[in-house]
Amino acid sequence: MASTAHTYFDYVAGFLGYCVREGLLDTNPARKNRATENLPEDRGERERQFWDPADRQQLF
């Protein structure tokens, strides 16, 4: 879940960076420390399965 939050944050930060480059914003608010300090810690568990095999099979 933390990796998802970081991914979404990166999308927003990228868009805001574009806005800065195009002169629509003076600074990128997503690149300030206070914007990132509340993000959950990304422990790199991207490969972890949260569904048990029976639930996954039922979905398919």
PDB file of N, CA and C in Angstrom:
ATOM      1  N   MET A   1       0.811  -1.193   0.000  1.00  0.00           N
ATOM      2  CA  MET A   1       0.000   0.000   0.000  1.00  0.00           C
ATOM      3  C   MET A   1       0.860   1.265   0.000  1.00  0.00           C
ATOM      4  N   ALA A   2       1.972   1.221   0.724  1.00  0.00           N
ATOM      5  CA  ALA A   2       2.843   2.392   0.779  1.00  0.00           C
ATOM      6  C   ALA A   2       3.420   2.707  -0.590  1.00  0.00           C
ATOM      7  N   SER A   3       3.759   1.661  -1.355  1.00  0.00           N
ATOM      8  CA  SER A   3       4.315   1.912  -2.685  1.00  0.00           C
ATOM      9  C   SER A   3       3.290   2.583  -3.584  1.00  0.00           C
ATOM     10  N   THR A   4       2.011   2.259  -3.411  1.00  0.00           N
ATOM     11  CA  THR A   4       0.954   2.907  -4.181  1.00  0.00           C
ATOM     12  C   THR A   4       0.866   4.384  -3.838  1.00  0.00           C
ATOM     13  N   ALA A   5       0.942   4.704  -2.562  1.00  0.00           N
ATOM     14  CA  ALA A   5       0.907   6.102  -2.140  1.00  0.00           C
ATOM     15  C   ALA A   5       2.092   6.866  -2.731  1.00  0.00           C
ATOM     16  N   HIS A   6       3.262   6.258  -2.730  1.00  0.00           N
ATOM     17  CA  HIS A   6       4.443   6.908  -3.302  1.00  0.00           C
ATOM     18  C   HIS A   6       4.299   7.081  -4.813  1.00  0.00           C
ATOM     19  N   THR A   7       3.731   6.099  -5.470  1.00  0.00           N
ATOM     20  CA  THR A   7       3.530   6.200  -6.917  1.00  0.00           C
ATOM     21  C   THR A   7       2.585   7.341  -7.254  1.00  0.00           C
ATOM     22  N   TYR A   8       1.457   7.407  -6.562  1.00  0.00           N
ATOM     23  CA  TYR A   8       0.505   8.503  -6.809  1.00  0.00           C
ATOM     24  C   TYR A   8       1.129   9.852  -6.502  1.00  0.00           C
ATOM     25  N   PHE A   9       1.901   9.912  -5.415  1.00  0.00           N
ATOM     26  CA  PHE A   9       2.567  11.165  -5.067  1.00  0.00           C
ATOM     27  C   PHE A   9       3.541  11.572  -6.173  1.00  0.00           C
ATOM     28  N   ASP A  10       4.274  10.608  -6.725  1.00  0.00           N
ATOM     29  CA  ASP A  10       5.213  10.911  -7.808  1.00  0.00           C
ATOM     30  C   ASP A  10       4.493  11.442  -9.044  1.00  0.00           C
ATOM     31  N   TYR A  11       3.304  10.892  -9.350  1.00  0.00           N
ATOM     32  CA  TYR A  11       2.530  11.416 -10.483  1.00  0.00           C
ATOM     33  C   TYR A  11       2.155  12.876 -10.262  1.00  0.00           C
ATOM     34  N   VAL A  12       1.672  13.176  -9.071  1.00  0.00           N
ATOM     35  CA  VAL A  12       1.283  14.557  -8.749  1.00  0.00           C
ATOM     36  C   VAL A  12       2.501  15.472  -8.791  1.00  0.00           C
ATOM     37  N   ALA A  13       3.596  15.032  -8.189  1.00  0.00           N
ATOM     38  CA  ALA A  13       4.817  15.843  -8.172  1.00  0.00           C
ATOM     39  C   ALA A  13       5.324  16.083  -9.595  1.00  0.00           C
ATOM     40  N   GLY A  14       5.229  15.071 -10.442  1.00  0.00           N
ATOM     41  CA  GLY A  14       5.640  15.230 -11.836  1.00  0.00           C
ATOM     42  C   GLY A  14       4.791  16.250 -12.569  1.00  0.00           C
ATOM     43  N   PHE A  15       3.484  16.185 -12.358  1.00  0.00           N
ATOM     44  CA  PHE A  15       2.594  17.156 -12.993  1.00  0.00           C
ATOM     45  C   PHE A  15       2.889  18.572 -12.493  1.00  0.00           C
ATOM     46  N   LEU A  16       3.101  18.705 -11.186  1.00  0.00           N
ATOM     47  CA  LEU A  16       3.411  20.026 -10.643  1.00  0.00           C
ATOM     48  C   LEU A  16       4.754  20.534 -11.156  1.00  0.00           C
ATOM     49  N   GLY A  17       5.704  19.625 -11.366  1.00  0.00           N
ATOM     50  CA  GLY A  17       6.983  20.014 -11.971  1.00  0.00           C
ATOM     51  C   GLY A  17       6.780  20.546 -13.380  1.00  0.00           C
ATOM     52  N   TYR A  18       5.901  19.905 -14.131  1.00  0.00           N
ATOM     53  CA  TYR A  18       5.549  20.392 -15.462  1.00  0.00           C
ATOM     54  C   TYR A  18       4.971  21.803 -15.369  1.00  0.00           C
ATOM     55  N   CYS A  19       4.084  22.019 -14.397  1.00  0.00           N
ATOM     56  CA  CYS A  19       3.472  23.342 -14.226  1.00  0.00           C
ATOM     57  C   CYS A  19       4.531  24.404 -13.921  1.00  0.00           C
ATOM     58  N   VAL A  20       5.540  24.045 -13.143  1.00  0.00           N
ATOM     59  CA  VAL A  20       6.632  24.984 -12.852  1.00  0.00           C
ATOM     60  C   VAL A  20       7.395  25.296 -14.137  1.00  0.00           C
ATOM     61  N   ARG A  21       7.728  24.268 -14.911  1.00  0.00           N
ATOM     62  CA  ARG A  21       8.477  24.479 -16.155  1.00  0.00           C
ATOM     63  C   ARG A  21       7.706  25.333 -17.154  1.00  0.00           C
ATOM     64  N   GLU A  22       6.382  25.219 -17.148  1.00  0.00           N
ATOM     65  CA  GLU A  22       5.556  25.992 -18.069  1.00  0.00           C
ATOM     66  C   GLU A  22       5.202  27.377 -17.526  1.00  0.00           C
ATOM     67  N   GLY A  23       5.670  27.696 -16.329  1.00  0.00           N
ATOM     68  CA  GLY A  23       5.425  29.009 -15.746  1.00  0.00           C
ATOM     69  C   GLY A  23       4.061  29.159 -15.098  1.00  0.00           C
ATOM     70  N   LEU A  24       3.362  28.059 -14.867  1.00  0.00           N
ATOM     71  CA  LEU A  24       2.047  28.125 -14.243  1.00  0.00           C
ATOM     72  C   LEU A  24       2.146  28.208 -12.718  1.00  0.00           C
ATOM     73  N   LEU A  25       3.234  27.701 -12.168  1.00  0.00           N
ATOM     74  CA  LEU A  25       3.499  27.761 -10.725  1.00  0.00           C
ATOM     75  C   LEU A  25       4.913  28.261 -10.517  1.00  0.00           C
ATOM     76  N   ASP A  26       5.138  28.930  -9.383  1.00  0.00           N
ATOM     77  CA  ASP A  26       6.489  29.399  -9.065  1.00  0.00           C
ATOM     78  C   ASP A  26       7.362  28.277  -8.524  1.00  0.00           C
ATOM     79  N   THR A  27       6.793  27.422  -7.687  1.00  0.00           N
ATOM     80  CA  THR A  27       7.534  26.311  -7.099  1.00  0.00           C
ATOM     81  C   THR A  27       6.662  25.069  -7.096  1.00  0.00           C
ATOM     82  N   ASN A  28       7.309  23.930  -6.903  1.00  0.00           N
ATOM     83  CA  ASN A  28       6.605  22.657  -6.835  1.00  0.00           C
ATOM     84  C   ASN A  28       6.345  22.334  -5.361  1.00  0.00           C
ATOM     85  N   PRO A  29       5.109  22.487  -4.894  1.00  0.00           N
ATOM     86  CA  PRO A  29       4.829  22.242  -3.477  1.00  0.00           C
ATOM     87  C   PRO A  29       5.038  20.790  -3.068  1.00  0.00           C
ATOM     88  N   ALA A  30       5.036  19.873  -4.015  1.00  0.00           N
ATOM     89  CA  ALA A  30       5.241  18.460  -3.689  1.00  0.00           C
ATOM     90  C   ALA A  30       6.702  18.156  -3.379  1.00  0.00           C
ATOM     91  N   ARG A  31       7.597  19.038  -3.702  1.00  0.00           N
ATOM     92  CA  ARG A  31       9.017  18.812  -3.467  1.00  0.00           C
ATOM     93  C   ARG A  31       9.515  19.464  -2.174  1.00  0.00           C
ATOM     94  N   LYS A  32       8.604  19.862  -1.332  1.00  0.00           N
ATOM     95  CA  LYS A  32       8.976  20.406  -0.020  1.00  0.00           C
ATOM     96  C   LYS A  32       8.961  19.274   1.001  1.00  0.00           C
ATOM     97  N   ASN A  33       9.811  19.363   2.011  1.00  0.00           N
ATOM     98  CA  ASN A  33       9.907  18.294   3.014  1.00  0.00           C
ATOM     99  C   ASN A  33       8.573  18.000   3.678  1.00  0.00           C
ATOM    100  N   ARG A  34       7.814  19.020   3.988  1.00  0.00           N
ATOM    101  CA  ARG A  34       6.557  18.777   4.699  1.00  0.00           C
ATOM    102  C   ARG A  34       5.549  18.012   3.845  1.00  0.00           C
ATOM    103  N   ALA A  35       5.715  18.038   2.532  1.00  0.00           N
ATOM    104  CA  ALA A  35       4.803  17.299   1.657  1.00  0.00           C
ATOM    105  C   ALA A  35       5.080  15.802   1.701  1.00  0.00           C
ATOM    106  N   THR A  36       6.310  15.412   1.971  1.00  0.00           N
ATOM    107  CA  THR A  36       6.662  14.000   1.945  1.00  0.00           C
ATOM    108  C   THR A  36       6.766  13.366   3.322  1.00  0.00           C
ATOM    109  N   GLU A  37       6.803  14.143   4.369  1.00  0.00           N
ATOM    110  CA  GLU A  37       7.031  13.568   5.700  1.00  0.00           C
ATOM    111  C   GLU A  37       5.870  12.709   6.195  1.00  0.00           C
ATOM    112  N   ASN A  38       4.676  12.886   5.655  1.00  0.00           N
ATOM    113  CA  ASN A  38       3.530  12.094   6.103  1.00  0.00           C
ATOM    114  C   ASN A  38       3.241  10.894   5.214  1.00  0.00           C
ATOM    115  N   LEU A  39       4.052  10.678   4.177  1.00  0.00           N
ATOM    116  CA  LEU A  39       3.859   9.492   3.346  1.00  0.00           C
ATOM    117  C   LEU A  39       4.243   8.254   4.147  1.00  0.00           C
ATOM    118  N   PRO A  40       3.530   7.149   3.942  1.00  0.00           N
ATOM    119  CA  PRO A  40       3.897   5.921   4.655  1.00  0.00           C
ATOM    120  C   PRO A  40       5.258   5.410   4.189  1.00  0.00           C
ATOM    121  N   GLU A  41       5.926   4.696   5.057  1.00  0.00           N
ATOM    122  CA  GLU A  41       7.236   4.146   4.721  1.00  0.00           C
ATOM    123  C   GLU A  41       7.070   3.041   3.672  1.00  0.00           C
ATOM    124  N   ASP A  42       7.837   3.136   2.611  1.00  0.00           N
ATOM    125  CA  ASP A  42       7.791   2.131   1.561  1.00  0.00           C
ATOM    126  C   ASP A  42       8.844   1.072   1.885  1.00  0.00           C
ATOM    127  N   ARG A  43       8.398  -0.100   2.287  1.00  0.00           N
ATOM    128  CA  ARG A  43       9.306  -1.175   2.690  1.00  0.00           C
ATOM    129  C   ARG A  43       9.662  -2.106   1.538  1.00  0.00           C
ATOM    130  N   GLY A  44       9.255  -1.755   0.338  1.00  0.00           N
ATOM    131  CA  GLY A  44       9.601  -2.557  -0.833  1.00  0.00           C
ATOM    132  C   GLY A  44       8.884  -3.891  -0.904  1.00  0.00           C
ATOM    133  N   GLU A  45       7.680  -3.980  -0.387  1.00  0.00           N
ATOM    134  CA  GLU A  45       6.917  -5.229  -0.387  1.00  0.00           C
ATOM    135  C   GLU A  45       6.013  -5.324  -1.609  1.00  0.00           C
ATOM    136  N   ARG A  46       6.478  -4.874  -2.740  1.00  0.00           N
ATOM    137  CA  ARG A  46       5.643  -4.835  -3.943  1.00  0.00           C
ATOM    138  C   ARG A  46       5.246  -6.220  -4.433  1.00  0.00           C
ATOM    139  N   GLU A  47       6.049  -7.213  -4.139  1.00  0.00           N
ATOM    140  CA  GLU A  47       5.774  -8.562  -4.612  1.00  0.00           C
ATOM    141  C   GLU A  47       4.901  -9.356  -3.640  1.00  0.00           C
ATOM    142  N   ARG A  48       4.597  -8.799  -2.517  1.00  0.00           N
ATOM    143  CA  ARG A  48       3.823  -9.507  -1.502  1.00  0.00           C
ATOM    144  C   ARG A  48       2.373  -9.655  -1.952  1.00  0.00           C
ATOM    145  N   GLN A  49       1.818 -10.837  -1.768  1.00  0.00           N
ATOM    146  CA  GLN A  49       0.432 -11.089  -2.095  1.00  0.00           C
ATOM    147  C   GLN A  49      -0.430 -10.928  -0.847  1.00  0.00           C
ATOM    148  N   PHE A  50      -1.503 -10.171  -0.954  1.00  0.00           N
ATOM    149  CA  PHE A  50      -2.411  -9.978   0.167  1.00  0.00           C
ATOM    150  C   PHE A  50      -3.627 -10.890   0.063  1.00  0.00           C
ATOM    151  N   TRP A  51      -3.784 -11.522  -1.080  1.00  0.00           N
ATOM    152  CA  TRP A  51      -4.892 -12.439  -1.289  1.00  0.00           C
ATOM    153  C   TRP A  51      -4.375 -13.856  -1.096  1.00  0.00           C
ATOM    154  N   ASP A  52      -5.184 -14.690  -0.459  1.00  0.00           N
ATOM    155  CA  ASP A  52      -4.755 -16.089  -0.366  1.00  0.00           C
ATOM    156  C   ASP A  52      -5.106 -16.780  -1.678  1.00  0.00           C
ATOM    157  N   PRO A  53      -4.494 -17.932  -1.964  1.00  0.00           N
ATOM    158  CA  PRO A  53      -4.687 -18.592  -3.271  1.00  0.00           C
ATOM    159  C   PRO A  53      -6.151 -18.890  -3.606  1.00  0.00           C
ATOM    160  N   ALA A  54      -6.945 -19.275  -2.634  1.00  0.00           N
ATOM    161  CA  ALA A  54      -8.358 -19.574  -2.908  1.00  0.00           C
ATOM    162  C   ALA A  54      -9.115 -18.324  -3.341  1.00  0.00           C
ATOM    163  N   ASP A  55      -8.850 -17.205  -2.713  1.00  0.00           N
ATOM    164  CA  ASP A  55      -9.513 -15.944  -3.103  1.00  0.00           C
ATOM    165  C   ASP A  55      -9.091 -15.516  -4.498  1.00  0.00           C
ATOM    166  N   ARG A  56      -7.808 -15.628  -4.810  1.00  0.00           N
ATOM    167  CA  ARG A  56      -7.339 -15.276  -6.156  1.00  0.00           C
ATOM    168  C   ARG A  56      -8.005 -16.159  -7.212  1.00  0.00           C
ATOM    169  N   GLN A  57      -8.093 -17.457  -6.928  1.00  0.00           N
ATOM    170  CA  GLN A  57      -8.712 -18.380  -7.893  1.00  0.00           C
ATOM    171  C   GLN A  57     -10.184 -18.027  -8.099  1.00  0.00           C
ATOM    172  N   GLN A  58     -10.872 -17.668  -7.028  1.00  0.00           N
ATOM    173  CA  GLN A  58     -12.283 -17.312  -7.144  1.00  0.00           C
ATOM    174  C   GLN A  58     -12.468 -16.065  -8.017  1.00  0.00           C
ATOM    175  N   LEU A  59     -11.555 -15.119  -7.921  1.00  0.00           N
ATOM    176  CA  LEU A  59     -11.638 -13.920  -8.749  1.00  0.00           C
ATOM    177  C   LEU A  59     -11.472 -14.235 -10.226  1.00  0.00           C
ATOM    178  N   PHE A  60     -10.618 -15.200 -10.514  1.00  0.00           N
ATOM    179  CA  PHE A  60     -10.398 -15.584 -11.910  1.00  0.00           C
ATOM    180  C   PHE A  60     -11.512 -16.471 -12.398  1.00  0.00           C
TER     181      PHE A  60
END
